[in-house]
N, C-alpha and C. Protein backbone atom coordinates (compact mmCIF):
# COMPACT_ATOMS: atom_id res chain seq x y z
N UNK A 1 -73.93 -12.27 -35.61
CA UNK A 1 -72.78 -12.13 -36.48
C UNK A 1 -71.53 -12.57 -35.72
N UNK A 2 -70.76 -13.45 -36.30
CA UNK A 2 -69.54 -13.96 -35.67
C UNK A 2 -68.44 -12.90 -35.72
N UNK A 3 -67.59 -12.86 -34.69
CA UNK A 3 -66.49 -11.89 -34.70
C UNK A 3 -65.54 -12.17 -35.86
N UNK A 4 -65.02 -11.12 -36.43
CA UNK A 4 -64.06 -11.27 -37.52
C UNK A 4 -62.71 -11.69 -36.97
N UNK A 5 -61.86 -12.16 -37.86
CA UNK A 5 -60.50 -12.57 -37.46
C UNK A 5 -59.77 -11.41 -36.79
N UNK A 6 -59.99 -10.19 -37.30
CA UNK A 6 -59.31 -9.02 -36.74
C UNK A 6 -59.69 -8.80 -35.27
N UNK A 7 -60.91 -9.16 -34.91
CA UNK A 7 -61.36 -8.98 -33.53
C UNK A 7 -60.55 -9.83 -32.56
N UNK A 8 -59.97 -10.90 -33.04
CA UNK A 8 -59.19 -11.81 -32.19
C UNK A 8 -57.68 -11.63 -32.37
N UNK A 9 -57.27 -10.78 -33.27
CA UNK A 9 -55.86 -10.61 -33.63
C UNK A 9 -54.98 -10.27 -32.42
N UNK A 10 -55.50 -9.52 -31.46
CA UNK A 10 -54.72 -9.11 -30.30
C UNK A 10 -54.17 -10.31 -29.54
N UNK A 11 -54.89 -11.43 -29.57
CA UNK A 11 -54.46 -12.61 -28.82
C UNK A 11 -53.11 -13.15 -29.30
N UNK A 12 -52.77 -12.90 -30.55
CA UNK A 12 -51.50 -13.38 -31.08
C UNK A 12 -50.31 -12.73 -30.40
N UNK A 13 -50.50 -11.54 -29.87
CA UNK A 13 -49.42 -10.80 -29.21
C UNK A 13 -49.42 -10.94 -27.70
N UNK A 14 -50.31 -11.73 -27.15
CA UNK A 14 -50.42 -11.88 -25.70
C UNK A 14 -49.23 -12.62 -25.10
N UNK A 15 -48.76 -12.14 -23.97
CA UNK A 15 -47.65 -12.77 -23.25
C UNK A 15 -48.01 -14.21 -22.84
N UNK A 16 -49.26 -14.44 -22.55
CA UNK A 16 -49.69 -15.76 -22.08
C UNK A 16 -49.83 -16.78 -23.21
N UNK A 17 -49.79 -16.34 -24.45
CA UNK A 17 -49.96 -17.25 -25.58
C UNK A 17 -48.90 -18.35 -25.53
N UNK A 18 -49.35 -19.58 -25.54
CA UNK A 18 -48.45 -20.73 -25.52
C UNK A 18 -48.04 -21.17 -24.12
N UNK A 19 -48.40 -20.38 -23.12
CA UNK A 19 -48.08 -20.76 -21.73
C UNK A 19 -49.21 -21.61 -21.17
N UNK A 20 -48.92 -22.34 -20.13
CA UNK A 20 -49.94 -23.13 -19.45
C UNK A 20 -51.00 -22.20 -18.87
N UNK A 21 -52.25 -22.58 -18.99
CA UNK A 21 -53.33 -21.76 -18.45
C UNK A 21 -53.49 -21.95 -16.94
N UNK A 22 -52.72 -22.86 -16.36
CA UNK A 22 -52.83 -23.16 -14.92
C UNK A 22 -52.66 -21.92 -14.04
N UNK A 23 -51.83 -21.00 -14.45
CA UNK A 23 -51.60 -19.81 -13.63
C UNK A 23 -52.78 -18.83 -13.71
N UNK A 24 -53.57 -18.93 -14.77
CA UNK A 24 -54.66 -17.98 -14.99
C UNK A 24 -56.02 -18.49 -14.51
N UNK A 25 -56.14 -19.80 -14.32
CA UNK A 25 -57.44 -20.38 -13.95
C UNK A 25 -57.30 -21.27 -12.73
N UNK A 26 -58.28 -21.17 -11.85
CA UNK A 26 -58.28 -21.87 -10.57
C UNK A 26 -58.58 -23.36 -10.71
N UNK A 27 -57.72 -24.19 -10.13
CA UNK A 27 -58.04 -25.62 -10.12
C UNK A 27 -59.10 -25.91 -9.05
N UNK A 28 -59.76 -27.01 -9.19
CA UNK A 28 -60.78 -27.42 -8.23
C UNK A 28 -60.16 -27.57 -6.85
N UNK A 29 -60.83 -27.03 -5.84
CA UNK A 29 -60.39 -27.17 -4.47
C UNK A 29 -59.26 -26.25 -4.05
N UNK A 30 -58.93 -25.27 -4.86
CA UNK A 30 -57.83 -24.35 -4.53
C UNK A 30 -58.18 -23.51 -3.31
N UNK A 31 -57.27 -23.43 -2.37
CA UNK A 31 -57.48 -22.64 -1.16
C UNK A 31 -57.28 -21.16 -1.42
N UNK A 32 -57.71 -20.36 -0.47
CA UNK A 32 -57.64 -18.90 -0.60
C UNK A 32 -56.21 -18.39 -0.78
N UNK A 33 -55.30 -18.87 0.04
CA UNK A 33 -53.91 -18.41 -0.04
C UNK A 33 -53.28 -18.82 -1.37
N UNK A 34 -53.51 -20.06 -1.78
CA UNK A 34 -52.97 -20.54 -3.05
C UNK A 34 -53.56 -19.75 -4.22
N UNK A 35 -54.86 -19.45 -4.13
CA UNK A 35 -55.51 -18.67 -5.20
C UNK A 35 -54.89 -17.29 -5.30
N UNK A 36 -54.70 -16.65 -4.16
CA UNK A 36 -54.13 -15.30 -4.16
C UNK A 36 -52.72 -15.32 -4.76
N UNK A 37 -51.92 -16.32 -4.40
CA UNK A 37 -50.56 -16.41 -4.94
C UNK A 37 -50.58 -16.65 -6.45
N UNK A 38 -51.46 -17.54 -6.90
CA UNK A 38 -51.57 -17.84 -8.33
C UNK A 38 -52.03 -16.60 -9.09
N UNK A 39 -53.03 -15.91 -8.57
CA UNK A 39 -53.53 -14.71 -9.23
C UNK A 39 -52.48 -13.61 -9.28
N UNK A 40 -51.71 -13.47 -8.21
CA UNK A 40 -50.63 -12.48 -8.21
C UNK A 40 -49.59 -12.82 -9.27
N UNK A 41 -49.27 -14.09 -9.42
CA UNK A 41 -48.32 -14.53 -10.45
C UNK A 41 -48.87 -14.22 -11.85
N UNK A 42 -50.14 -14.48 -12.05
CA UNK A 42 -50.77 -14.19 -13.34
C UNK A 42 -50.73 -12.69 -13.63
N UNK A 43 -51.01 -11.89 -12.62
CA UNK A 43 -51.02 -10.44 -12.81
C UNK A 43 -49.64 -9.90 -13.17
N UNK A 44 -48.60 -10.50 -12.64
CA UNK A 44 -47.23 -10.09 -13.01
C UNK A 44 -47.01 -10.32 -14.50
N UNK A 45 -47.47 -11.46 -15.00
CA UNK A 45 -47.36 -11.73 -16.44
C UNK A 45 -48.19 -10.72 -17.23
N UNK A 46 -49.38 -10.44 -16.76
CA UNK A 46 -50.25 -9.50 -17.46
C UNK A 46 -49.63 -8.11 -17.53
N UNK A 47 -48.97 -7.69 -16.47
CA UNK A 47 -48.35 -6.36 -16.44
C UNK A 47 -47.32 -6.18 -17.56
N UNK A 48 -46.74 -7.28 -18.02
CA UNK A 48 -45.71 -7.25 -19.06
C UNK A 48 -46.31 -7.36 -20.46
N UNK A 49 -47.61 -7.52 -20.54
CA UNK A 49 -48.27 -7.84 -21.80
C UNK A 49 -48.62 -6.59 -22.61
N UNK A 50 -48.26 -6.59 -23.90
CA UNK A 50 -48.58 -5.43 -24.74
C UNK A 50 -50.06 -5.29 -25.09
N UNK A 51 -50.84 -6.34 -24.84
CA UNK A 51 -52.27 -6.29 -25.19
C UNK A 51 -53.16 -6.40 -23.95
N UNK A 52 -52.65 -5.96 -22.81
CA UNK A 52 -53.41 -6.06 -21.56
C UNK A 52 -54.75 -5.32 -21.67
N UNK A 53 -54.77 -4.17 -22.31
CA UNK A 53 -56.02 -3.41 -22.43
C UNK A 53 -57.06 -4.14 -23.26
N UNK A 54 -56.63 -4.70 -24.39
CA UNK A 54 -57.56 -5.44 -25.25
C UNK A 54 -58.09 -6.68 -24.52
N UNK A 55 -57.23 -7.35 -23.80
CA UNK A 55 -57.61 -8.55 -23.05
C UNK A 55 -58.64 -8.19 -21.98
N UNK A 56 -58.36 -7.14 -21.26
CA UNK A 56 -59.27 -6.69 -20.19
C UNK A 56 -60.63 -6.30 -20.78
N UNK A 57 -60.61 -5.54 -21.87
CA UNK A 57 -61.86 -5.12 -22.50
C UNK A 57 -62.65 -6.32 -23.00
N UNK A 58 -61.97 -7.31 -23.56
CA UNK A 58 -62.64 -8.52 -24.02
C UNK A 58 -63.34 -9.21 -22.86
N UNK A 59 -62.62 -9.40 -21.76
CA UNK A 59 -63.18 -10.10 -20.59
C UNK A 59 -64.36 -9.34 -20.00
N UNK A 60 -64.27 -8.02 -19.95
CA UNK A 60 -65.37 -7.21 -19.43
C UNK A 60 -66.57 -7.26 -20.38
N UNK A 61 -66.32 -7.14 -21.66
CA UNK A 61 -67.41 -7.11 -22.65
C UNK A 61 -68.14 -8.44 -22.76
N UNK A 62 -67.42 -9.53 -22.54
CA UNK A 62 -68.03 -10.86 -22.67
C UNK A 62 -68.47 -11.44 -21.34
N UNK A 63 -68.31 -10.66 -20.27
CA UNK A 63 -68.66 -11.12 -18.92
C UNK A 63 -67.96 -12.44 -18.59
N UNK A 64 -66.69 -12.52 -18.93
CA UNK A 64 -65.91 -13.72 -18.67
C UNK A 64 -65.96 -14.04 -17.17
N UNK A 65 -66.51 -15.20 -16.79
CA UNK A 65 -66.71 -15.50 -15.38
C UNK A 65 -65.53 -16.18 -14.67
N UNK A 66 -64.50 -16.54 -15.42
CA UNK A 66 -63.41 -17.31 -14.82
C UNK A 66 -62.05 -16.73 -15.17
N UNK A 67 -61.10 -16.93 -14.27
CA UNK A 67 -59.71 -16.66 -14.57
C UNK A 67 -59.28 -15.21 -14.47
N UNK A 68 -57.97 -15.03 -14.68
CA UNK A 68 -57.36 -13.71 -14.72
C UNK A 68 -57.24 -13.32 -16.20
N UNK A 69 -57.84 -12.21 -16.55
CA UNK A 69 -57.80 -11.67 -17.90
C UNK A 69 -57.44 -10.20 -17.80
N UNK A 70 -56.48 -9.76 -18.57
CA UNK A 70 -56.13 -8.34 -18.56
C UNK A 70 -55.72 -7.84 -17.20
N UNK A 71 -55.12 -8.72 -16.41
CA UNK A 71 -54.66 -8.34 -15.08
C UNK A 71 -55.74 -8.21 -14.04
N UNK A 72 -56.94 -8.71 -14.35
CA UNK A 72 -58.05 -8.63 -13.40
C UNK A 72 -58.62 -10.02 -13.13
N UNK A 73 -58.94 -10.27 -11.88
CA UNK A 73 -59.59 -11.52 -11.50
C UNK A 73 -61.08 -11.43 -11.86
N UNK A 74 -61.75 -12.56 -11.81
CA UNK A 74 -63.19 -12.58 -12.08
C UNK A 74 -63.92 -11.66 -11.10
N UNK A 75 -63.52 -11.69 -9.85
CA UNK A 75 -64.16 -10.82 -8.85
C UNK A 75 -63.91 -9.35 -9.16
N UNK A 76 -62.70 -8.99 -9.52
CA UNK A 76 -62.38 -7.61 -9.85
C UNK A 76 -63.18 -7.14 -11.07
N UNK A 77 -63.35 -8.02 -12.05
CA UNK A 77 -64.14 -7.65 -13.22
C UNK A 77 -65.60 -7.45 -12.84
N UNK A 78 -66.11 -8.32 -11.98
CA UNK A 78 -67.50 -8.18 -11.53
C UNK A 78 -67.70 -6.85 -10.81
N UNK A 79 -66.77 -6.50 -9.94
CA UNK A 79 -66.85 -5.23 -9.23
C UNK A 79 -66.77 -4.05 -10.19
N UNK A 80 -65.92 -4.16 -11.20
CA UNK A 80 -65.78 -3.09 -12.19
C UNK A 80 -67.08 -2.91 -12.97
N UNK A 81 -67.69 -4.02 -13.39
CA UNK A 81 -68.96 -3.94 -14.13
C UNK A 81 -70.04 -3.29 -13.27
N UNK A 82 -70.08 -3.67 -12.01
CA UNK A 82 -71.07 -3.09 -11.08
C UNK A 82 -70.84 -1.59 -10.93
N UNK A 83 -69.60 -1.19 -10.77
CA UNK A 83 -69.27 0.23 -10.64
C UNK A 83 -69.64 1.00 -11.89
N UNK A 84 -69.39 0.41 -13.06
CA UNK A 84 -69.73 1.07 -14.32
C UNK A 84 -71.24 1.23 -14.48
N UNK A 85 -71.99 0.21 -14.03
CA UNK A 85 -73.45 0.29 -14.11
C UNK A 85 -73.98 1.39 -13.20
N UNK A 86 -73.39 1.50 -12.01
CA UNK A 86 -73.83 2.54 -11.05
C UNK A 86 -73.50 3.93 -11.56
N UNK A 87 -72.39 4.05 -12.27
CA UNK A 87 -71.96 5.35 -12.77
C UNK A 87 -72.82 5.81 -13.97
N UNK A 88 -73.50 4.87 -14.59
CA UNK A 88 -74.32 5.21 -15.78
C UNK A 88 -75.60 5.90 -15.39
């Protein structure tokens, strides 16, 4: 069953809507320091977002493997999923 329009409605209120995705997703060959700076910049935007919780839940529920979603990097989401599995 495909998600309903309402399931995606939160994206309309996202701070990142209409912004370049470059700050949220790693370019090919990005170094560690550059990645950390870019991710920190993305997280600052996420902190201001009224739908940060919905975004984070979406990324966790769909196992989003790339980018900063809901103020979390792909690695942070992976660690969170692992912790949740262990707690179950």
